[in-house]
Amino acid sequence: MASTRSGASTPAKRAPAATIGLATLYHADCLEWLAEQPDKSIHAVVTDPPYGLVEYSPREQHKLRSGRGGVWRIPPSFDGHQRSPLPRFTTLSSAELDQLRRFFNQWAKALLPVMVPGGHIMIAANPLVSHLVSVSVGDAGFERRGEVVRLVMTMRGGDRPKNAHDEFPDVTVMPRSQWEPWLLFRRPLDGRVQDNLRKWKTGGLRRISEEQPFGDVIRSAPTRPAEKRLANHPSLKPQAFLRQVVRAVLPLGEGVVLDPFAGSGSTLAAAEAIGYDSIGVEADKSYITLAKKAIPALRDLEV
């Protein structure tokens, strides 16, 4: 029987909730799942975490699904289009921000030994909290390698002071959000980049073509209604964007991509569309049920 990193016996192997093509989905807490994994078994991570926000607690998820909203901002229609619920990053207290920082540090420490040397992780963030995530992941031992800017117009920000629109018509409380940061980190290399590529198949990012390298700015439209109908998750990212970043994190096109906060399985669907092996871990049973249907449906979309 193998040993865990603490030297104790490894528990019985956890059965997956589903296997869809090259994608394997687990219903588990990601920290518990990571503790069960062998060292140097994951080659890349692409994920959009919940950030420990109040909105993602079981109580508030139940309210969201039942149409009562809870602390989610469920705005009215705008220009004839119903606006989707958005996490309210501006409502986080100092204690919740500190909890967020500690969680990401704990998560990154659990992830570090599971990654192969030179493996990249790409983490969706928000301009209001990305600095906390970045410091926490860096303190755990990962090297910061910059960030990818997703250029996308959202409905966040740009509002006048609440209940004082007429009094301050020329004032915007926060900038209108037109981009989304995806933080990029790498587990330290085993030797030089070329040594790492030969031994671990990691260390760099896959080029778009022989002439064009992978860039750190990607133009992206909001997630299409057709995709939302297939995978009704409040933070669903479009396949057109996800397939680009998922493709990039395996420089030789070999290895396993992990999404430890799998949600409706959109990262796994992107990996499936490209032909990569992938693993998703999701704690919410309702999203596991959704992902089983959404992964093949999103995979087969033309983008």
C-alpha atoms as a PDB file:
ATOM      1  CA  MET A   1       0.000   0.000   0.000  1.00  0.00           C
ATOM      2  CA  ALA A   2       1.349   3.442  -0.919  1.00  0.00           C
ATOM      3  CA  SER A   3       2.045   6.197   1.582  1.00  0.00           C
ATOM      4  CA  THR A   4       0.701   9.732   1.791  1.00  0.00           C
ATOM      5  CA  ARG A   5       2.998  12.729   2.133  1.00  0.00           C
ATOM      6  CA  SER A   6       2.627  12.499   5.922  1.00  0.00           C
ATOM      7  CA  GLY A   7       3.764   8.859   5.868  1.00  0.00           C
ATOM      8  CA  ALA A   8       0.377   7.350   6.740  1.00  0.00           C
ATOM      9  CA  SER A   9      -1.251   4.624   4.670  1.00  0.00           C
ATOM     10  CA  THR A  10      -3.151   5.818   1.632  1.00  0.00           C
ATOM     11  CA  PRO A  11      -6.949   5.405   1.963  1.00  0.00           C
ATOM     12  CA  ALA A  12      -8.878   3.318  -0.507  1.00  0.00           C
ATOM     13  CA  LYS A  13      -8.955   5.001  -3.890  1.00  0.00           C
ATOM     14  CA  ARG A  14     -11.898   7.356  -4.228  1.00  0.00           C
ATOM     15  CA  ALA A  15     -14.360   6.293  -6.897  1.00  0.00           C
ATOM     16  CA  PRO A  16     -15.092   8.950  -9.531  1.00  0.00           C
ATOM     17  CA  ALA A  17     -18.585  10.359  -9.846  1.00  0.00           C
ATOM     18  CA  ALA A  18     -18.340  10.137 -13.621  1.00  0.00           C
ATOM     19  CA  THR A  19     -15.966   9.459 -16.480  1.00  0.00           C
ATOM     20  CA  ILE A  20     -16.736  11.253 -19.734  1.00  0.00           C
ATOM     21  CA  GLY A  21     -14.266  10.585 -22.512  1.00  0.00           C
ATOM     22  CA  LEU A  22     -10.861  11.680 -21.189  1.00  0.00           C
ATOM     23  CA  ALA A  23     -12.465  13.613 -18.302  1.00  0.00           C
ATOM     24  CA  THR A  24     -12.839  12.230 -14.780  1.00  0.00           C
ATOM     25  CA  LEU A  25     -15.115  13.962 -12.271  1.00  0.00           C
ATOM     26  CA  TYR A  26     -14.944  13.585  -8.491  1.00  0.00           C
ATOM     27  CA  HIS A  27     -17.490  14.641  -5.873  1.00  0.00           C
ATOM     28  CA  ALA A  28     -15.195  15.774  -3.074  1.00  0.00           C
ATOM     29  CA  ASP A  29     -13.757  18.673  -1.127  1.00  0.00           C
ATOM     30  CA  CYS A  30     -10.697  19.698  -3.125  1.00  0.00           C
ATOM     31  CA  LEU A  31      -8.384  19.889  -0.085  1.00  0.00           C
ATOM     32  CA  GLU A  32      -9.329  16.368   0.969  1.00  0.00           C
ATOM     33  CA  TRP A  33      -8.934  15.126  -2.597  1.00  0.00           C
ATOM     34  CA  LEU A  34      -5.510  16.735  -3.015  1.00  0.00           C
ATOM     35  CA  ALA A  35      -4.305  15.105   0.221  1.00  0.00           C
ATOM     36  CA  GLU A  36      -5.058  11.693  -1.314  1.00  0.00           C
ATOM     37  CA  GLN A  37      -3.130  12.234  -4.545  1.00  0.00           C
ATOM     38  CA  PRO A  38       0.385  10.997  -5.313  1.00  0.00           C
ATOM     39  CA  ASP A  39       3.163  13.525  -5.649  1.00  0.00           C
ATOM     40  CA  LYS A  40       3.906  14.921  -9.121  1.00  0.00           C
ATOM     41  CA  SER A  41       0.753  13.569 -10.756  1.00  0.00           C
ATOM     42  CA  ILE A  42      -0.899  16.730 -12.154  1.00  0.00           C
ATOM     43  CA  HIS A  43       0.617  18.718 -15.017  1.00  0.00           C
ATOM     44  CA  ALA A  44      -1.549  21.862 -15.048  1.00  0.00           C
ATOM     45  CA  VAL A  45      -4.465  23.582 -13.334  1.00  0.00           C
ATOM     46  CA  VAL A  46      -7.096  25.846 -14.904  1.00  0.00           C
ATOM     47  CA  THR A  47      -9.789  26.950 -12.475  1.00  0.00           C
ATOM     48  CA  ASP A  48     -12.337  29.605 -11.563  1.00  0.00           C
ATOM     49  CA  PRO A  49     -12.591  29.339  -7.769  1.00  0.00           C
ATOM     50  CA  PRO A  50     -15.565  30.413  -5.639  1.00  0.00           C
ATOM     51  CA  TYR A  51     -13.251  32.484  -3.393  1.00  0.00           C
ATOM     52  CA  GLY A  52     -15.064  31.358  -0.259  1.00  0.00           C
ATOM     53  CA  LEU A  53     -17.662  34.023  -0.973  1.00  0.00           C
ATOM     54  CA  VAL A  54     -20.852  34.044   1.052  1.00  0.00           C
ATOM     55  CA  GLU A  55     -22.731  33.558  -2.202  1.00  0.00           C
ATOM     56  CA  TYR A  56     -21.307  30.070  -2.635  1.00  0.00           C
ATOM     57  CA  SER A  57     -22.308  28.754   0.781  1.00  0.00           C
ATOM     58  CA  PRO A  58     -24.949  25.954   0.668  1.00  0.00           C
ATOM     59  CA  ARG A  59     -27.555  28.272   2.152  1.00  0.00           C
ATOM     60  CA  GLU A  60     -27.111  30.999  -0.463  1.00  0.00           C
ATOM     61  CA  GLN A  61     -26.804  28.486  -3.311  1.00  0.00           C
ATOM     62  CA  HIS A  62     -30.178  27.084  -2.269  1.00  0.00           C
ATOM     63  CA  LYS A  63     -31.666  30.594  -2.368  1.00  0.00           C
ATOM     64  CA  LEU A  64     -30.166  31.228  -5.799  1.00  0.00           C
ATOM     65  CA  ARG A  65     -31.545  27.991  -7.229  1.00  0.00           C
ATOM     66  CA  SER A  66     -34.977  28.614  -5.797  1.00  0.00           C
ATOM     67  CA  GLY A  67     -35.079  32.091  -7.340  1.00  0.00           C
ATOM     68  CA  ARG A  68     -34.987  33.973  -4.037  1.00  0.00           C
ATOM     69  CA  GLY A  69     -31.546  35.398  -4.632  1.00  0.00           C
ATOM     70  CA  GLY A  70     -30.201  35.708  -1.136  1.00  0.00           C
ATOM     71  CA  VAL A  71     -27.117  37.911  -1.064  1.00  0.00           C
ATOM     72  CA  TRP A  72     -26.550  37.453  -4.793  1.00  0.00           C
ATOM     73  CA  ARG A  73     -27.040  40.610  -6.815  1.00  0.00           C
ATOM     74  CA  ILE A  74     -29.859  39.726  -9.181  1.00  0.00           C
ATOM     75  CA  PRO A  75     -30.225  42.920 -11.224  1.00  0.00           C
ATOM     76  CA  PRO A  76     -33.141  43.917 -13.412  1.00  0.00           C
ATOM     77  CA  SER A  77     -33.187  43.589 -17.148  1.00  0.00           C
ATOM     78  CA  PHE A  78     -30.934  45.970 -19.032  1.00  0.00           C
ATOM     79  CA  ASP A  79     -31.552  47.089 -22.618  1.00  0.00           C
ATOM     80  CA  GLY A  80     -34.088  44.318 -22.969  1.00  0.00           C
ATOM     81  CA  HIS A  81     -31.766  41.584 -21.675  1.00  0.00           C
ATOM     82  CA  GLN A  82     -32.069  39.838 -18.329  1.00  0.00           C
ATOM     83  CA  ARG A  83     -28.858  40.318 -16.380  1.00  0.00           C
ATOM     84  CA  SER A  84     -27.280  37.310 -14.682  1.00  0.00           C
ATOM     85  CA  PRO A  85     -26.583  37.156 -10.927  1.00  0.00           C
ATOM     86  CA  LEU A  86     -23.063  38.260  -9.998  1.00  0.00           C
ATOM     87  CA  PRO A  87     -20.919  37.736  -6.904  1.00  0.00           C
ATOM     88  CA  ARG A  88     -20.701  40.889  -4.806  1.00  0.00           C
ATOM     89  CA  PHE A  89     -16.976  41.218  -4.140  1.00  0.00           C
ATOM     90  CA  THR A  90     -17.510  44.680  -2.673  1.00  0.00           C
ATOM     91  CA  THR A  91     -19.507  43.241   0.252  1.00  0.00           C
ATOM     92  CA  LEU A  92     -16.655  41.156   1.666  1.00  0.00           C
ATOM     93  CA  SER A  93     -15.640  42.150   5.185  1.00  0.00           C
ATOM     94  CA  SER A  94     -12.052  42.375   6.435  1.00  0.00           C
ATOM     95  CA  ALA A  95     -12.517  39.037   8.184  1.00  0.00           C
ATOM     96  CA  GLU A  96     -13.832  37.393   5.001  1.00  0.00           C
ATOM     97  CA  LEU A  97     -10.932  38.799   2.967  1.00  0.00           C
ATOM     98  CA  ASP A  98      -8.490  37.397   5.527  1.00  0.00           C
ATOM     99  CA  GLN A  99     -10.272  34.053   5.335  1.00  0.00           C
ATOM    100  CA  LEU A 100      -9.962  34.170   1.550  1.00  0.00           C
ATOM    101  CA  ARG A 101      -6.220  34.826   1.801  1.00  0.00           C
ATOM    102  CA  ARG A 102      -5.689  31.967   4.259  1.00  0.00           C
ATOM    103  CA  PHE A 103      -7.767  29.563   2.189  1.00  0.00           C
ATOM    104  CA  PHE A 104      -5.791  30.175  -0.995  1.00  0.00           C
ATOM    105  CA  ASN A 105      -2.527  29.759   0.860  1.00  0.00           C
ATOM    106  CA  GLN A 106      -3.743  26.450   2.304  1.00  0.00           C
ATOM    107  CA  TRP A 107      -5.022  25.332  -1.090  1.00  0.00           C
ATOM    108  CA  ALA A 108      -1.781  26.220  -2.872  1.00  0.00           C
ATOM    109  CA  LYS A 109       0.306  24.400  -0.246  1.00  0.00           C
ATOM    110  CA  ALA A 110      -1.836  21.289  -0.758  1.00  0.00           C
ATOM    111  CA  LEU A 111      -1.531  21.607  -4.533  1.00  0.00           C
ATOM    112  CA  LEU A 112       2.231  22.212  -4.755  1.00  0.00           C
ATOM    113  CA  PRO A 113       3.472  18.630  -4.167  1.00  0.00           C
ATOM    114  CA  VAL A 114       0.788  17.189  -6.454  1.00  0.00           C
ATOM    115  CA  MET A 115       2.013  19.295  -9.391  1.00  0.00           C
ATOM    116  CA  VAL A 116       4.931  18.174 -11.511  1.00  0.00           C
ATOM    117  CA  PRO A 117       7.918  20.555 -11.665  1.00  0.00           C
ATOM    118  CA  GLY A 118       7.256  23.282 -14.207  1.00  0.00           C
ATOM    119  CA  GLY A 119       3.486  22.750 -14.109  1.00  0.00           C
ATOM    120  CA  HIS A 120       1.426  25.913 -14.610  1.00  0.00           C
ATOM    121  CA  ILE A 121      -1.708  26.969 -12.782  1.00  0.00           C
ATOM    122  CA  MET A 122      -4.102  29.563 -14.169  1.00  0.00           C
ATOM    123  CA  ILE A 123      -6.614  31.042 -11.731  1.00  0.00           C
ATOM    124  CA  ALA A 124      -9.567  33.273 -12.608  1.00  0.00           C
ATOM    125  CA  ALA A 125      -9.710  36.279 -10.316  1.00  0.00           C
ATOM    126  CA  ASN A 126     -11.290  39.690  -9.862  1.00  0.00           C
ATOM    127  CA  PRO A 127      -9.394  43.006  -9.711  1.00  0.00           C
ATOM    128  CA  LEU A 128     -10.629  43.588  -6.139  1.00  0.00           C
ATOM    129  CA  VAL A 129      -9.185  40.367  -4.700  1.00  0.00           C
ATOM    130  CA  SER A 130      -6.518  39.230  -7.172  1.00  0.00           C
ATOM    131  CA  HIS A 131      -3.705  40.746  -5.108  1.00  0.00           C
ATOM    132  CA  LEU A 132      -4.682  38.617  -2.096  1.00  0.00           C
ATOM    133  CA  VAL A 133      -4.808  35.453  -4.182  1.00  0.00           C
ATOM    134  CA  SER A 134      -1.492  36.221  -5.838  1.00  0.00           C
ATOM    135  CA  VAL A 135       0.399  36.775  -2.580  1.00  0.00           C
ATOM    136  CA  SER A 136      -1.151  33.687  -0.983  1.00  0.00           C
ATOM    137  CA  VAL A 137      -0.256  31.373  -3.875  1.00  0.00           C
ATOM    138  CA  GLY A 138       3.240  32.837  -4.152  1.00  0.00           C
ATOM    139  CA  ASP A 139       3.879  32.402  -0.427  1.00  0.00           C
ATOM    140  CA  ALA A 140       2.989  28.710  -0.806  1.00  0.00           C
ATOM    141  CA  GLY A 141       5.930  28.172  -3.137  1.00  0.00           C
ATOM    142  CA  PHE A 142       4.646  28.821  -6.648  1.00  0.00           C
ATOM    143  CA  GLU A 143       6.415  31.249  -8.989  1.00  0.00           C
ATOM    144  CA  ARG A 144       4.275  34.060 -10.334  1.00  0.00           C
ATOM    145  CA  ARG A 145       4.503  34.137 -14.127  1.00  0.00           C
ATOM    146  CA  GLY A 146       2.272  37.135 -14.825  1.00  0.00           C
ATOM    147  CA  GLU A 147      -1.400  37.071 -15.689  1.00  0.00           C
ATOM    148  CA  VAL A 148      -3.647  36.631 -18.675  1.00  0.00           C
ATOM    149  CA  VAL A 149      -6.071  39.464 -19.323  1.00  0.00           C
ATOM    150  CA  ARG A 150      -9.479  38.382 -20.530  1.00  0.00           C
ATOM    151  CA  LEU A 151     -10.861  41.440 -22.325  1.00  0.00           C
ATOM    152  CA  VAL A 152     -14.597  41.254 -21.753  1.00  0.00           C
ATOM    153  CA  MET A 153     -17.287  43.828 -21.068  1.00  0.00           C
ATOM    154  CA  THR A 154     -19.236  42.913 -17.942  1.00  0.00           C
ATOM    155  CA  MET A 155     -22.072  44.579 -16.053  1.00  0.00           C
ATOM    156  CA  ARG A 156     -19.916  45.224 -12.977  1.00  0.00           C
ATOM    157  CA  GLY A 157     -19.133  48.776 -11.946  1.00  0.00           C
ATOM    158  CA  GLY A 158     -19.948  52.037 -13.673  1.00  0.00           C
ATOM    159  CA  ASP A 159     -22.868  52.853 -11.378  1.00  0.00           C
ATOM    160  CA  ARG A 160     -23.574  56.267  -9.875  1.00  0.00           C
ATOM    161  CA  PRO A 161     -23.835  56.596  -6.060  1.00  0.00           C
ATOM    162  CA  LYS A 162     -26.755  54.528  -4.792  1.00  0.00           C
ATOM    163  CA  ASN A 163     -29.850  56.613  -4.025  1.00  0.00           C
ATOM    164  CA  ALA A 164     -27.985  59.733  -5.155  1.00  0.00           C
ATOM    165  CA  HIS A 165     -28.011  59.392  -8.943  1.00  0.00           C
ATOM    166  CA  ASP A 166     -29.549  62.810  -9.546  1.00  0.00           C
ATOM    167  CA  GLU A 167     -27.343  64.565  -7.013  1.00  0.00           C
ATOM    168  CA  PHE A 168     -24.092  63.191  -8.499  1.00  0.00           C
ATOM    169  CA  PRO A 169     -24.849  62.475 -12.166  1.00  0.00           C
ATOM    170  CA  ASP A 170     -21.197  62.754 -13.243  1.00  0.00           C
ATOM    171  CA  VAL A 171     -19.789  60.358 -10.648  1.00  0.00           C
ATOM    172  CA  THR A 172     -19.018  56.644 -11.084  1.00  0.00           C
ATOM    173  CA  VAL A 173     -18.414  54.756  -7.824  1.00  0.00           C
ATOM    174  CA  MET A 174     -16.171  52.161  -9.495  1.00  0.00           C
ATOM    175  CA  PRO A 175     -14.796  51.797 -13.022  1.00  0.00           C
ATOM    176  CA  ARG A 176     -16.949  49.844 -15.427  1.00  0.00           C
ATOM    177  CA  SER A 177     -15.255  46.450 -15.604  1.00  0.00           C
ATOM    178  CA  GLN A 178     -13.902  45.619 -19.051  1.00  0.00           C
ATOM    179  CA  TRP A 179     -11.372  42.909 -18.182  1.00  0.00           C
ATOM    180  CA  GLU A 180     -10.857  39.882 -15.984  1.00  0.00           C
ATOM    181  CA  PRO A 181      -7.464  38.801 -14.587  1.00  0.00           C
ATOM    182  CA  TRP A 182      -6.364  35.160 -14.785  1.00  0.00           C
ATOM    183  CA  LEU A 183      -3.344  34.742 -12.515  1.00  0.00           C
ATOM    184  CA  LEU A 184      -0.516  32.580 -13.845  1.00  0.00           C
ATOM    185  CA  PHE A 185       1.870  30.593 -11.636  1.00  0.00           C
ATOM    186  CA  ARG A 186       4.360  27.764 -12.113  1.00  0.00           C
ATOM    187  CA  ARG A 187       5.818  25.163  -9.804  1.00  0.00           C
ATOM    188  CA  PRO A 188       9.608  25.727  -9.774  1.00  0.00           C
ATOM    189  CA  LEU A 189      11.498  23.943 -12.528  1.00  0.00           C
ATOM    190  CA  ASP A 190      13.601  20.807 -12.263  1.00  0.00           C
ATOM    191  CA  GLY A 191      16.700  22.234 -13.955  1.00  0.00           C
ATOM    192  CA  ARG A 192      16.401  24.367 -17.087  1.00  0.00           C
ATOM    193  CA  VAL A 193      13.203  24.744 -19.097  1.00  0.00           C
ATOM    194  CA  GLN A 194      14.457  22.315 -21.748  1.00  0.00           C
ATOM    195  CA  ASP A 195      15.441  19.792 -19.051  1.00  0.00           C
ATOM    196  CA  ASN A 196      12.010  20.095 -17.495  1.00  0.00           C
ATOM    197  CA  LEU A 197      10.256  19.695 -20.841  1.00  0.00           C
ATOM    198  CA  ARG A 198      12.181  16.527 -21.585  1.00  0.00           C
ATOM    199  CA  LYS A 199      11.553  14.965 -18.168  1.00  0.00           C
ATOM    200  CA  TRP A 200       8.109  16.273 -17.132  1.00  0.00           C
ATOM    201  CA  LYS A 201       6.569  17.636 -20.384  1.00  0.00           C
ATOM    202  CA  THR A 202       6.047  20.984 -18.631  1.00  0.00           C
ATOM    203  CA  GLY A 203       7.821  24.259 -18.008  1.00  0.00           C
ATOM    204  CA  GLY A 204       6.395  26.521 -20.705  1.00  0.00           C
ATOM    205  CA  LEU A 205       3.173  27.348 -22.515  1.00  0.00           C
ATOM    206  CA  ARG A 206       1.998  25.884 -25.814  1.00  0.00           C
ATOM    207  CA  ARG A 207       2.328  28.241 -28.758  1.00  0.00           C
ATOM    208  CA  ILE A 208      -0.717  29.115 -30.831  1.00  0.00           C
ATOM    209  CA  SER A 209       1.253  28.295 -33.967  1.00  0.00           C
ATOM    210  CA  GLU A 210       4.840  28.096 -35.141  1.00  0.00           C
ATOM    211  CA  GLU A 211       4.719  31.828 -35.853  1.00  0.00           C
ATOM    212  CA  GLN A 212       2.577  32.994 -32.924  1.00  0.00           C
ATOM    213  CA  PRO A 213       3.285  32.509 -29.206  1.00  0.00           C
ATOM    214  CA  PHE A 214       0.560  32.339 -26.570  1.00  0.00           C
ATOM    215  CA  GLY A 215      -0.206  35.912 -25.509  1.00  0.00           C
ATOM    216  CA  ASP A 216      -1.365  37.437 -22.229  1.00  0.00           C
ATOM    217  CA  VAL A 217      -4.350  39.347 -23.659  1.00  0.00           C
ATOM    218  CA  ILE A 218      -7.345  37.424 -25.019  1.00  0.00           C
ATOM    219  CA  ARG A 219     -10.411  39.156 -26.408  1.00  0.00           C
ATOM    220  CA  SER A 220     -13.534  37.431 -25.149  1.00  0.00           C
ATOM    221  CA  ALA A 221     -17.264  37.902 -25.456  1.00  0.00           C
ATOM    222  CA  PRO A 222     -19.512  37.211 -22.463  1.00  0.00           C
ATOM    223  CA  THR A 223     -20.739  33.635 -22.177  1.00  0.00           C
ATOM    224  CA  ARG A 224     -23.357  32.932 -24.822  1.00  0.00           C
ATOM    225  CA  PRO A 225     -26.961  32.184 -23.808  1.00  0.00           C
ATOM    226  CA  ALA A 226     -26.703  28.836 -25.626  1.00  0.00           C
ATOM    227  CA  GLU A 227     -23.877  27.783 -23.302  1.00  0.00           C
ATOM    228  CA  LYS A 228     -25.718  28.999 -20.215  1.00  0.00           C
ATOM    229  CA  ARG A 229     -28.690  26.863 -21.164  1.00  0.00           C
ATOM    230  CA  LEU A 230     -26.408  23.815 -21.254  1.00  0.00           C
ATOM    231  CA  ALA A 231     -24.602  24.636 -18.002  1.00  0.00           C
ATOM    232  CA  ASN A 232     -26.568  26.893 -15.680  1.00  0.00           C
ATOM    233  CA  HIS A 233     -23.737  28.042 -13.428  1.00  0.00           C
ATOM    234  CA  PRO A 234     -23.515  31.687 -12.253  1.00  0.00           C
ATOM    235  CA  SER A 235     -19.789  31.966 -13.080  1.00  0.00           C
ATOM    236  CA  LEU A 236     -19.755  30.017 -16.361  1.00  0.00           C
ATOM    237  CA  LYS A 237     -16.898  31.038 -18.675  1.00  0.00           C
ATOM    238  CA  PRO A 238     -17.256  30.711 -22.460  1.00  0.00           C
ATOM    239  CA  GLN A 239     -15.739  27.746 -24.267  1.00  0.00           C
ATOM    240  CA  ALA A 240     -14.120  30.034 -26.835  1.00  0.00           C
ATOM    241  CA  PHE A 241     -11.951  31.493 -24.063  1.00  0.00           C
ATOM    242  CA  LEU A 242     -11.454  28.369 -21.961  1.00  0.00           C
ATOM    243  CA  ARG A 243     -10.236  26.279 -24.864  1.00  0.00           C
ATOM    244  CA  GLN A 244      -7.456  28.789 -25.509  1.00  0.00           C
ATOM    245  CA  VAL A 245      -6.126  28.835 -21.939  1.00  0.00           C
ATOM    246  CA  VAL A 246      -6.567  25.086 -21.404  1.00  0.00           C
ATOM    247  CA  ARG A 247      -4.670  24.348 -24.607  1.00  0.00           C
ATOM    248  CA  ALA A 248      -1.820  26.642 -23.528  1.00  0.00           C
ATOM    249  CA  VAL A 249      -1.071  25.037 -20.148  1.00  0.00           C
ATOM    250  CA  LEU A 250       0.244  21.761 -21.617  1.00  0.00           C
ATOM    251  CA  PRO A 251       3.200  22.908 -23.736  1.00  0.00           C
ATOM    252  CA  LEU A 252       3.665  19.558 -25.508  1.00  0.00           C
ATOM    253  CA  GLY A 253      -0.020  18.638 -25.466  1.00  0.00           C
ATOM    254  CA  GLU A 254       0.664  15.862 -22.949  1.00  0.00           C
ATOM    255  CA  GLY A 255      -0.380  15.472 -19.318  1.00  0.00           C
ATOM    256  CA  VAL A 256      -3.388  15.955 -17.057  1.00  0.00           C
ATOM    257  CA  VAL A 257      -5.278  19.223 -16.501  1.00  0.00           C
ATOM    258  CA  LEU A 258      -6.999  19.634 -13.120  1.00  0.00           C
ATOM    259  CA  ASP A 259      -9.903  21.892 -12.190  1.00  0.00           C
ATOM    260  CA  PRO A 260     -10.246  21.614  -8.379  1.00  0.00           C
ATOM    261  CA  PHE A 261     -13.384  23.807  -8.402  1.00  0.00           C
ATOM    262  CA  ALA A 262     -15.075  22.174 -11.360  1.00  0.00           C
ATOM    263  CA  GLY A 263     -18.570  23.671 -11.081  1.00  0.00           C
ATOM    264  CA  SER A 264     -20.550  22.668 -14.145  1.00  0.00           C
ATOM    265  CA  GLY A 265     -17.477  21.136 -15.792  1.00  0.00           C
ATOM    266  CA  SER A 266     -16.668  23.819 -18.370  1.00  0.00           C
ATOM    267  CA  THR A 267     -12.885  23.428 -17.978  1.00  0.00           C
ATOM    268  CA  LEU A 268     -13.193  19.673 -18.454  1.00  0.00           C
ATOM    269  CA  ALA A 269     -15.380  20.272 -21.511  1.00  0.00           C
ATOM    270  CA  ALA A 270     -12.673  22.522 -22.971  1.00  0.00           C
ATOM    271  CA  ALA A 271     -10.045  19.851 -22.318  1.00  0.00           C
ATOM    272  CA  GLU A 272     -12.297  17.275 -23.978  1.00  0.00           C
ATOM    273  CA  ALA A 273     -12.682  19.473 -27.052  1.00  0.00           C
ATOM    274  CA  ILE A 274      -8.889  19.753 -27.337  1.00  0.00           C
ATOM    275  CA  GLY A 275      -8.176  16.108 -26.549  1.00  0.00           C
ATOM    276  CA  TYR A 276      -6.465  16.487 -23.170  1.00  0.00           C
ATOM    277  CA  ASP A 277      -6.852  14.230 -20.135  1.00  0.00           C
ATOM    278  CA  SER A 278      -8.572  16.149 -17.350  1.00  0.00           C
ATOM    279  CA  ILE A 279      -9.798  15.804 -13.778  1.00  0.00           C
ATOM    280  CA  GLY A 280     -12.483  17.867 -12.065  1.00  0.00           C
ATOM    281  CA  VAL A 281     -13.229  18.030  -8.337  1.00  0.00           C
ATOM    282  CA  GLU A 282     -16.481  19.586  -7.115  1.00  0.00           C
ATOM    283  CA  ALA A 283     -17.934  19.692  -3.598  1.00  0.00           C
ATOM    284  CA  ASP A 284     -21.504  20.648  -4.563  1.00  0.00           C
ATOM    285  CA  LYS A 285     -23.534  17.573  -5.510  1.00  0.00           C
ATOM    286  CA  SER A 286     -25.960  19.638  -7.591  1.00  0.00           C
ATOM    287  CA  TYR A 287     -23.130  20.833  -9.802  1.00  0.00           C
ATOM    288  CA  ILE A 288     -21.849  17.268 -10.157  1.00  0.00           C
ATOM    289  CA  THR A 289     -25.246  16.300 -11.546  1.00  0.00           C
ATOM    290  CA  LEU A 290     -25.179  19.295 -13.873  1.00  0.00           C
ATOM    291  CA  ALA A 291     -21.601  18.630 -15.021  1.00  0.00           C
ATOM    292  CA  LYS A 292     -22.369  15.071 -16.108  1.00  0.00           C
ATOM    293  CA  LYS A 293     -24.732  16.471 -18.730  1.00  0.00           C
ATOM    294  CA  ALA A 294     -22.933  19.733 -19.443  1.00  0.00           C
ATOM    295  CA  ILE A 295     -19.442  18.365 -20.188  1.00  0.00           C
ATOM    296  CA  PRO A 296     -20.368  16.420 -23.358  1.00  0.00           C
ATOM    297  CA  ALA A 297     -22.788  19.135 -24.459  1.00  0.00           C
ATOM    298  CA  LEU A 298     -20.243  21.951 -24.082  1.00  0.00           C
ATOM    299  CA  ARG A 299     -17.514  19.797 -25.616  1.00  0.00           C
ATOM    300  CA  ASP A 300     -19.524  19.369 -28.794  1.00  0.00           C
ATOM    301  CA  LEU A 301     -20.239  23.089 -29.254  1.00  0.00           C
ATOM    302  CA  GLU A 302     -18.661  24.828 -32.221  1.00  0.00           C
ATOM    303  CA  VAL A 303     -16.912  28.029 -31.168  1.00  0.00           C
END
